[in-house]
Amino acid sequence: MKKIYYTAIPIVLAIQTQAQNITLDNLEAAFLQKNYALIANKFNVDRIDAEIIQEKLWNNPTLSISEVNLWKTYNVEEQPYLIGKYGKNQQISVELEQLIETAGKRKKRVAIKELEKNSALFDYEELLRELKKELRQTYFSLGRIQSEKKELQNSIELFEQMNTQYQRQAELKNVPKADFYRLQSELIALQKEQIELENQEIEYINKLRLLTQNSDLNVDEIDFSRFNSYSKSIPFNAKQLAKEQNIALKKQENEINLAEKQLILEKAQRTPDLAFQVNYDRGGNIMRDFVGVGVSIDLPIFNTNKGNIKASEIVLNQQQITKNAIDFELNNTIDRISNQINQLDKAIIQWKKMNKQDQLTMIENYKKHLQNKQITLLEFIDFIQAYRESQQAYFDLLENYQNTFEELNYIVGQDF
């Protein structure tokens, strides 16, 4: 049988000629500047600023005009005219009332609004961190896809050449048709896998476009060098940093402060407010033009706000217990993620010890053995599949490592 010669195909593709000038930092900068979700969320802070201004205002005074007779009344004591020739037989009462809140209720409500503003700021920060984590993880997933596509393309080109050669040799009856069909089946499987990777790529690049609001973003423009950078270290004080910077913990501490201020306000509600009055009465009593002052106050006999105070105390206890639960879960999560990162780091280092050049040499040797009929086609395909699976495992390890580290960055609240 005639020998089958194979053109040597490099496993690693040449560097793309198109410049890849969009880095992860560039993507994050565009995300911070243009992401609509962030912009919309920031309006909550402005809204609460306006509400704080409103809380600082005093209540409007109340003006009451009463006892006005619109008709002429007879058999009354004569009075001087009020306006021009009008008012000799008319009566009127005017009262001006101003509510004065006691026990610093207005200032306490302003303090509550300030804490609500903090809640809005924390919501914004949480959204920022979540979307930033999503952007980075999407970037690393795209990096894994690009690496897999390069390796897969090498295999496809190899099997396409072999398929053409085996088809010609099968027609000449130099090789069994079964070998040709087996080779063809392997090529179809690789092409199917390529389509699946391309579909994943479309999904992730669309997500990046949405996060950066850049509809023209193209995969070929992105620099994925950060994907292969895995020499990171977890700080020894990660738990302490998380207690100071974790967004969930900061939000919960703010909720506790908010509950405390609400309790203080409810206790202040026990103190009745005062209402001062100034009134003018014309013709309503023995004094023709009477001006007097007065004050009104609720008597705290039946309602001393006990129910609302008790409810606020319960809410405060709930918030404190919730904080303890978050703190406990935070420590466990950091331990779990740190352990995962250490295990992934060991696996990557172990994989790196394998000499890739030796693997490439073995592929060349297997091709020669196949030509010399020292191995079967199935043995050759099995070896190529094993090599590809090892490469995929490595890329999966890298992706998992990068994404897990981003989880740690998000939880701690700081990039390492």
Protein backbone atom coordinates (compact mmCIF):
# COMPACT_ATOMS: atom_id res chain seq x y z
CA MET A 1 0.00 0.00 0.00
CA LYS A 2 1.24 3.47 -0.82
CA LYS A 3 2.54 5.51 2.08
CA ILE A 4 0.33 8.34 3.30
CA TYR A 5 2.24 11.54 3.95
CA TYR A 6 0.92 14.18 6.31
CA THR A 7 1.79 17.81 6.31
CA ALA A 8 3.09 18.89 9.70
CA ILE A 9 0.60 21.17 11.36
CA PRO A 10 1.74 23.31 14.29
CA ILE A 11 -0.31 22.82 17.45
CA VAL A 12 -0.08 26.44 18.44
CA LEU A 13 -1.44 28.91 15.88
CA ALA A 14 0.57 31.94 14.83
CA ILE A 15 -0.14 35.20 16.55
CA GLN A 16 -3.05 36.97 14.95
CA THR A 17 -2.05 39.82 12.69
CA GLN A 18 -4.93 41.98 13.81
CA ALA A 19 -3.97 44.13 16.77
CA GLN A 20 -5.59 43.16 20.04
CA ASN A 21 -5.60 46.47 21.86
CA ILE A 22 -8.64 46.26 24.15
CA THR A 23 -7.51 45.09 27.58
CA LEU A 24 -9.56 44.13 30.60
CA ASP A 25 -8.84 47.56 32.08
CA ASN A 26 -10.26 49.19 28.94
CA LEU A 27 -13.42 47.10 29.23
CA GLU A 28 -13.83 48.08 32.89
CA ALA A 29 -13.35 51.76 32.09
CA ALA A 30 -16.08 51.62 29.43
CA PHE A 31 -18.32 49.71 31.82
CA LEU A 32 -17.97 52.35 34.57
CA GLN A 33 -18.63 55.19 32.15
CA LYS A 34 -21.52 53.86 30.08
CA ASN A 35 -23.38 51.06 31.88
CA TYR A 36 -27.02 52.12 32.06
CA ALA A 37 -27.84 50.02 35.11
CA LEU A 38 -25.19 51.87 37.13
CA ILE A 39 -26.33 55.26 35.87
CA ALA A 40 -29.97 54.54 36.71
CA ASN A 41 -29.13 53.19 40.17
CA LYS A 42 -27.15 56.32 41.02
CA PHE A 43 -30.33 58.40 40.77
CA ASN A 44 -31.52 56.77 44.00
CA VAL A 45 -28.80 58.68 45.87
CA ASP A 46 -29.90 61.98 44.31
CA ARG A 47 -33.51 61.23 45.21
CA ILE A 48 -32.68 60.68 48.87
CA ASP A 49 -30.61 63.88 48.91
CA ALA A 50 -33.77 65.71 47.89
CA GLU A 51 -35.73 63.90 50.61
CA ILE A 52 -33.14 65.00 53.20
CA ILE A 53 -33.69 68.62 52.15
CA GLN A 54 -37.42 68.10 52.60
CA GLU A 55 -37.03 66.58 56.09
CA LYS A 56 -35.05 69.61 57.27
CA LEU A 57 -37.97 71.95 56.56
CA TRP A 58 -40.39 73.11 59.23
CA ASN A 59 -44.09 72.37 58.93
CA ASN A 60 -46.07 75.17 57.31
CA PRO A 61 -48.14 77.37 59.64
CA THR A 62 -51.92 77.04 59.45
CA LEU A 63 -54.11 80.09 58.81
CA SER A 64 -57.78 79.85 59.81
CA ILE A 65 -60.49 82.43 59.03
CA SER A 66 -63.87 81.83 60.65
CA GLU A 67 -67.02 83.44 62.13
CA VAL A 68 -67.47 85.59 59.02
CA ASN A 69 -71.10 86.68 58.46
CA LEU A 70 -71.75 87.46 54.80
CA TRP A 71 -75.04 89.18 55.51
CA LYS A 72 -76.01 92.32 57.46
CA THR A 73 -76.79 91.66 61.10
CA TYR A 74 -79.07 94.05 63.07
CA ASN A 75 -79.43 94.81 66.76
CA VAL A 76 -75.68 94.62 67.35
CA GLU A 77 -73.24 96.95 68.92
CA GLU A 78 -71.87 99.33 66.38
CA GLN A 79 -68.29 98.81 65.18
CA PRO A 80 -65.96 100.91 63.11
CA TYR A 81 -65.73 100.19 59.42
CA LEU A 82 -63.27 97.44 58.48
CA ILE A 83 -62.50 98.36 54.88
CA GLY A 84 -63.98 101.55 53.42
CA LYS A 85 -67.74 101.47 54.09
CA TYR A 86 -67.64 97.72 54.76
CA GLY A 87 -67.55 95.95 58.09
CA LYS A 88 -69.81 97.94 60.37
CA ASN A 89 -72.09 94.92 60.90
CA GLN A 90 -69.60 92.14 60.20
CA GLN A 91 -67.70 89.78 62.52
CA ILE A 92 -64.48 87.87 61.77
CA SER A 93 -62.01 85.62 63.55
CA VAL A 94 -58.48 84.96 62.27
CA GLU A 95 -56.09 82.40 63.76
CA LEU A 96 -52.48 81.53 62.88
CA GLU A 97 -51.12 78.21 64.21
CA GLN A 98 -47.58 76.80 64.08
CA LEU A 99 -46.67 73.23 65.02
CA ILE A 100 -43.46 72.90 67.07
CA GLU A 101 -42.04 69.38 67.17
CA THR A 102 -40.43 68.47 70.46
CA ALA A 103 -37.64 66.04 71.48
CA GLY A 104 -35.67 66.77 68.29
CA LYS A 105 -37.97 64.67 66.09
CA ARG A 106 -37.11 66.59 62.95
CA LYS A 107 -33.36 66.11 63.43
CA LYS A 108 -33.90 62.43 64.18
CA ARG A 109 -35.82 61.98 60.92
CA VAL A 110 -33.00 63.73 59.05
CA ALA A 111 -30.52 61.31 60.67
CA ILE A 112 -32.66 58.39 59.46
CA LYS A 113 -32.70 59.80 55.93
CA GLU A 114 -28.90 60.12 56.05
CA LEU A 115 -28.69 56.41 56.83
CA GLU A 116 -31.15 55.66 54.02
CA LYS A 117 -28.80 57.56 51.74
CA ASN A 118 -25.99 55.27 52.93
CA SER A 119 -28.20 52.32 52.02
CA ALA A 120 -28.64 53.72 48.52
CA LEU A 121 -24.87 54.22 48.22
CA PHE A 122 -24.26 50.65 49.36
CA ASP A 123 -26.83 49.39 46.84
CA TYR A 124 -24.96 51.26 44.13
CA GLU A 125 -21.63 49.87 45.31
CA GLU A 126 -23.06 46.35 45.45
CA LEU A 127 -24.42 46.62 41.91
CA LEU A 128 -21.07 48.02 40.77
CA ARG A 129 -19.16 45.12 42.31
CA GLU A 130 -21.56 42.48 41.00
CA LEU A 131 -21.46 43.82 37.43
CA LYS A 132 -17.68 44.24 37.61
CA LYS A 133 -17.34 40.62 38.74
CA GLU A 134 -19.66 39.53 35.93
CA LEU A 135 -17.62 41.49 33.39
CA ARG A 136 -14.34 39.94 34.53
CA GLN A 137 -15.72 36.41 34.65
CA THR A 138 -17.17 36.88 31.17
CA TYR A 139 -13.76 38.08 29.98
CA PHE A 140 -12.04 35.01 31.44
CA SER A 141 -14.66 32.68 29.96
CA LEU A 142 -14.05 34.26 26.57
CA GLY A 143 -10.31 33.78 27.11
CA ARG A 144 -10.86 30.09 27.73
CA ILE A 145 -12.98 29.81 24.57
CA GLN A 146 -10.30 31.52 22.48
CA SER A 147 -7.62 29.14 23.76
CA GLU A 148 -9.84 26.12 23.12
CA LYS A 149 -10.69 27.35 19.62
CA LYS A 150 -7.01 27.60 18.71
CA GLU A 151 -6.32 24.05 19.85
CA LEU A 152 -9.48 22.78 18.20
CA GLN A 153 -8.66 24.50 14.92
CA ASN A 154 -5.31 22.73 14.84
CA SER A 155 -7.02 19.37 15.26
CA ILE A 156 -9.64 20.20 12.64
CA GLU A 157 -6.99 21.18 10.09
CA LEU A 158 -5.07 17.98 10.82
CA PHE A 159 -8.13 15.75 10.41
CA GLU A 160 -9.34 17.64 7.33
CA GLN A 161 -6.05 16.86 5.59
CA MET A 162 -6.14 13.28 6.77
CA ASN A 163 -9.78 12.95 5.70
CA THR A 164 -8.95 14.14 2.18
CA GLN A 165 -6.01 11.76 1.94
CA TYR A 166 -7.90 8.79 3.38
CA GLN A 167 -10.82 9.42 1.04
CA ARG A 168 -8.50 9.30 -1.96
CA GLN A 169 -6.70 6.21 -0.65
CA ALA A 170 -10.01 4.50 0.17
CA GLU A 171 -11.22 5.07 -3.39
CA LEU A 172 -7.97 3.48 -4.57
CA LYS A 173 -8.60 0.67 -2.08
CA ASN A 174 -5.25 1.30 -0.38
CA VAL A 175 -6.95 1.73 3.03
CA PRO A 176 -10.18 0.23 4.39
CA LYS A 177 -13.26 2.39 3.98
CA ALA A 178 -13.97 1.80 7.68
CA ASP A 179 -10.86 3.87 8.52
CA PHE A 180 -12.07 6.64 6.26
CA TYR A 181 -15.54 6.61 7.87
CA ARG A 182 -13.99 6.60 11.36
CA LEU A 183 -11.82 9.56 10.45
CA GLN A 184 -14.77 11.35 8.91
CA SER A 185 -16.84 10.78 12.07
CA GLU A 186 -14.08 12.25 14.21
CA LEU A 187 -13.86 15.30 11.94
CA ILE A 188 -17.63 15.86 12.15
CA ALA A 189 -17.46 15.63 15.95
CA LEU A 190 -14.70 18.24 16.01
CA GLN A 191 -16.66 20.54 13.72
CA LYS A 192 -19.72 20.15 15.94
CA GLU A 193 -17.62 21.09 18.94
CA GLN A 194 -16.35 24.11 17.03
CA ILE A 195 -19.92 25.28 16.41
CA GLU A 196 -20.72 24.90 20.11
CA LEU A 197 -17.68 26.98 21.06
CA GLU A 198 -18.67 29.66 18.57
CA ASN A 199 -22.17 29.77 20.06
CA GLN A 200 -20.64 30.20 23.51
CA GLU A 201 -18.41 32.93 22.15
CA ILE A 202 -21.42 34.79 20.74
CA GLU A 203 -23.20 34.55 24.09
CA TYR A 204 -20.25 35.92 26.06
CA ILE A 205 -19.30 38.67 23.62
CA ASN A 206 -22.91 39.87 23.64
CA LYS A 207 -22.76 40.00 27.42
CA LEU A 208 -19.59 42.10 27.24
CA ARG A 209 -21.24 44.39 24.71
CA LEU A 210 -24.18 44.84 27.06
CA LEU A 211 -21.99 45.54 30.09
CA THR A 212 -19.80 48.04 28.23
CA GLN A 213 -22.61 49.42 26.05
CA ASN A 214 -20.36 48.88 23.04
CA SER A 215 -22.30 47.18 20.26
CA ASP A 216 -19.24 47.18 17.97
CA LEU A 217 -17.01 45.22 20.36
CA ASN A 218 -15.31 42.31 18.57
CA VAL A 219 -13.53 39.31 20.05
CA ASP A 220 -10.51 39.81 17.79
CA GLU A 221 -9.95 43.25 19.32
CA ILE A 222 -9.64 41.98 22.89
CA ASP A 223 -6.32 41.19 24.53
CA PHE A 224 -6.72 37.99 26.58
CA SER A 225 -3.23 37.95 28.11
CA ARG A 226 -4.76 38.32 31.60
CA PHE A 227 -6.39 34.91 31.16
CA ASN A 228 -3.04 33.14 31.41
CA SER A 229 -1.86 35.18 34.40
CA TYR A 230 -2.45 33.05 37.47
CA SER A 231 0.38 33.93 39.86
CA LYS A 232 -1.82 35.51 42.52
CA SER A 233 -1.68 35.23 46.28
CA ILE A 234 -4.37 35.41 48.94
CA PRO A 235 -3.52 37.93 51.69
CA PHE A 236 -3.19 36.46 55.18
CA ASN A 237 -5.62 39.05 56.56
CA ALA A 238 -8.38 38.38 54.02
CA LYS A 239 -10.98 37.85 56.75
CA GLN A 240 -10.11 41.10 58.46
CA LEU A 241 -10.28 42.96 55.16
CA ALA A 242 -13.67 41.40 54.48
CA LYS A 243 -15.00 42.58 57.85
CA GLU A 244 -14.02 46.12 56.91
CA GLN A 245 -14.99 46.09 53.22
CA ASN A 246 -17.53 43.35 52.51
CA ILE A 247 -20.55 45.08 51.00
CA ALA A 248 -23.14 42.77 52.59
CA LEU A 249 -21.62 43.36 56.02
CA LYS A 250 -21.46 47.13 55.52
CA LYS A 251 -25.09 47.17 54.40
CA GLN A 252 -26.14 45.19 57.46
CA GLU A 253 -24.21 47.45 59.84
CA ASN A 254 -26.02 50.38 58.26
CA GLU A 255 -29.35 48.57 58.78
CA ILE A 256 -28.49 48.20 62.47
CA ASN A 257 -27.75 51.92 62.73
CA LEU A 258 -30.99 52.63 60.91
CA ALA A 259 -32.94 50.44 63.36
CA GLU A 260 -31.28 52.19 66.32
CA LYS A 261 -32.21 55.63 64.96
CA GLN A 262 -35.76 54.46 64.30
CA LEU A 263 -36.00 53.26 67.92
CA ILE A 264 -34.74 56.64 69.15
CA LEU A 265 -37.34 58.40 67.01
CA GLU A 266 -40.15 56.17 68.29
CA LYS A 267 -39.15 56.95 71.87
CA ALA A 268 -39.15 60.64 71.02
CA GLN A 269 -42.71 60.26 69.70
CA ARG A 270 -43.83 59.77 73.32
CA THR A 271 -43.21 63.48 73.89
CA PRO A 272 -46.23 65.47 72.65
CA ASP A 273 -45.72 68.22 70.10
CA LEU A 274 -46.79 71.80 70.78
CA ALA A 275 -49.01 73.98 68.61
CA PHE A 276 -48.75 77.73 69.19
CA GLN A 277 -51.62 79.99 68.12
CA VAL A 278 -52.05 83.69 67.56
CA ASN A 279 -55.66 84.78 66.94
CA TYR A 280 -57.61 87.93 66.21
CA ASP A 281 -61.33 88.17 66.99
CA ARG A 282 -63.47 91.11 65.77
CA GLY A 283 -66.83 91.46 67.34
CA GLY A 284 -66.92 88.03 68.88
CA ASN A 285 -66.97 89.07 72.50
CA ILE A 286 -67.02 92.16 74.70
CA MET A 287 -63.72 93.26 73.16
CA ARG A 288 -64.21 94.64 69.70
CA ASP A 289 -60.68 93.82 68.44
CA PHE A 290 -59.23 91.02 70.50
CA VAL A 291 -55.71 89.65 69.90
CA GLY A 292 -54.60 86.62 71.92
CA VAL A 293 -52.07 83.81 71.99
CA GLY A 294 -52.45 80.17 72.96
CA VAL A 295 -50.87 76.77 72.93
CA SER A 296 -52.22 73.23 72.49
CA ILE A 297 -50.68 69.91 73.42
CA ASP A 298 -51.79 66.29 73.29
CA LEU A 299 -52.10 64.63 76.65
CA PRO A 300 -50.21 61.27 76.58
CA ILE A 301 -52.81 59.38 78.58
CA PHE A 302 -53.99 56.58 76.29
CA ASN A 303 -51.23 56.47 73.67
CA THR A 304 -47.57 56.55 74.76
CA ASN A 305 -46.31 54.84 71.55
CA LYS A 306 -45.49 51.61 73.40
CA GLY A 307 -46.36 49.39 70.45
CA ASN A 308 -44.12 51.16 67.95
CA ILE A 309 -41.26 51.27 70.45
CA LYS A 310 -41.56 47.54 71.06
CA ALA A 311 -41.69 46.83 67.31
CA SER A 312 -38.54 48.93 66.76
CA GLU A 313 -36.73 47.01 69.50
CA ILE A 314 -37.64 43.73 67.81
CA VAL A 315 -36.40 44.99 64.43
CA LEU A 316 -33.11 46.06 66.05
CA ASN A 317 -32.63 42.59 67.55
CA GLN A 318 -33.42 41.00 64.19
CA GLN A 319 -30.84 43.15 62.42
CA GLN A 320 -28.16 42.30 64.99
CA ILE A 321 -28.83 38.56 64.63
CA THR A 322 -28.74 38.90 60.84
CA LYS A 323 -25.33 40.61 61.09
CA ASN A 324 -23.99 37.71 63.16
CA ALA A 325 -25.26 35.27 60.53
CA ILE A 326 -23.63 37.25 57.71
CA ASP A 327 -20.36 37.44 59.61
CA PHE A 328 -20.37 33.67 60.22
CA GLU A 329 -21.22 32.89 56.60
CA LEU A 330 -18.56 35.34 55.40
CA ASN A 331 -15.80 33.54 57.33
CA ASN A 332 -16.91 30.15 56.03
CA THR A 333 -17.13 31.40 52.45
CA ILE A 334 -13.64 32.88 52.55
CA ASP A 335 -12.27 29.60 53.93
CA ARG A 336 -14.06 27.63 51.22
CA ILE A 337 -12.97 29.87 48.34
CA SER A 338 -9.40 30.09 49.63
CA ASN A 339 -9.22 26.31 49.78
CA GLN A 340 -10.60 26.06 46.22
CA ILE A 341 -8.03 28.55 44.95
CA ASN A 342 -5.18 26.69 46.63
CA GLN A 343 -6.33 23.38 45.14
CA LEU A 344 -6.69 24.93 41.68
CA ASP A 345 -3.27 26.56 41.99
CA LYS A 346 -1.67 23.21 42.83
CA ALA A 347 -3.41 21.56 39.89
CA ILE A 348 -2.22 24.27 37.48
CA ILE A 349 1.35 24.04 38.77
CA GLN A 350 1.24 20.26 38.40
CA TRP A 351 -0.07 20.60 34.86
CA LYS A 352 2.64 23.13 34.04
CA LYS A 353 5.29 20.58 34.98
CA MET A 354 4.24 18.56 31.96
CA ASN A 355 6.50 19.44 29.04
CA LYS A 356 4.27 20.59 26.20
CA GLN A 357 7.12 20.28 23.72
CA ASP A 358 7.39 16.60 24.60
CA GLN A 359 3.68 16.23 23.88
CA LEU A 360 4.06 17.89 20.49
CA THR A 361 7.00 15.62 19.73
CA MET A 362 4.88 12.60 20.67
CA ILE A 363 2.19 13.74 18.23
CA GLU A 364 4.74 13.90 15.45
CA ASN A 365 6.01 10.46 16.44
CA TYR A 366 2.49 9.05 16.46
CA LYS A 367 1.93 10.45 12.97
CA LYS A 368 5.09 8.70 11.79
CA HIS A 369 4.06 5.46 13.52
CA LEU A 370 0.70 5.69 11.76
CA GLN A 371 2.41 6.16 8.41
CA ASN A 372 4.62 3.15 9.11
CA LYS A 373 1.64 1.09 10.27
CA GLN A 374 3.18 0.67 13.71
CA ILE A 375 -0.07 1.89 15.28
CA THR A 376 -3.66 1.81 14.10
CA LEU A 377 -5.78 4.78 13.15
CA LEU A 378 -7.89 4.28 16.29
CA GLU A 379 -4.77 4.45 18.47
CA PHE A 380 -3.76 7.68 16.75
CA ILE A 381 -7.24 9.19 17.22
CA ASP A 382 -7.29 8.12 20.87
CA PHE A 383 -3.96 9.83 21.48
CA ILE A 384 -5.12 13.06 19.81
CA GLN A 385 -8.33 12.95 21.87
CA ALA A 386 -6.35 12.43 25.08
CA TYR A 387 -4.09 15.36 24.21
CA ARG A 388 -7.06 17.61 23.47
CA GLU A 389 -8.81 16.58 26.68
CA SER A 390 -5.70 17.46 28.68
CA GLN A 391 -5.57 20.88 27.02
CA GLN A 392 -9.26 21.46 27.70
CA ALA A 393 -8.76 20.43 31.33
CA TYR A 394 -5.98 22.98 31.65
CA PHE A 395 -8.07 25.78 30.13
CA ASP A 396 -10.98 24.83 32.42
CA LEU A 397 -8.62 24.97 35.40
CA LEU A 398 -7.45 28.43 34.38
CA GLU A 399 -11.00 29.70 33.88
CA ASN A 400 -12.13 28.22 37.19
CA TYR A 401 -9.11 29.69 38.94
CA GLN A 402 -9.67 33.20 37.53
CA ASN A 403 -13.41 33.19 38.19
CA THR A 404 -12.98 31.82 41.71
CA PHE A 405 -10.44 34.53 42.46
CA GLU A 406 -12.96 37.12 41.26
CA GLU A 407 -15.46 35.65 43.72
CA LEU A 408 -12.91 36.22 46.47
CA ASN A 409 -12.28 39.78 45.30
CA TYR A 410 -16.01 40.45 45.36
CA ILE A 411 -16.54 39.00 48.82
CA VAL A 412 -13.54 40.70 50.41
CA GLY A 413 -14.21 43.95 48.56
CA GLN A 414 -10.69 44.42 47.26
CA ASP A 415 -8.72 43.31 44.20
CA PHE A 416 -5.68 41.14 44.89
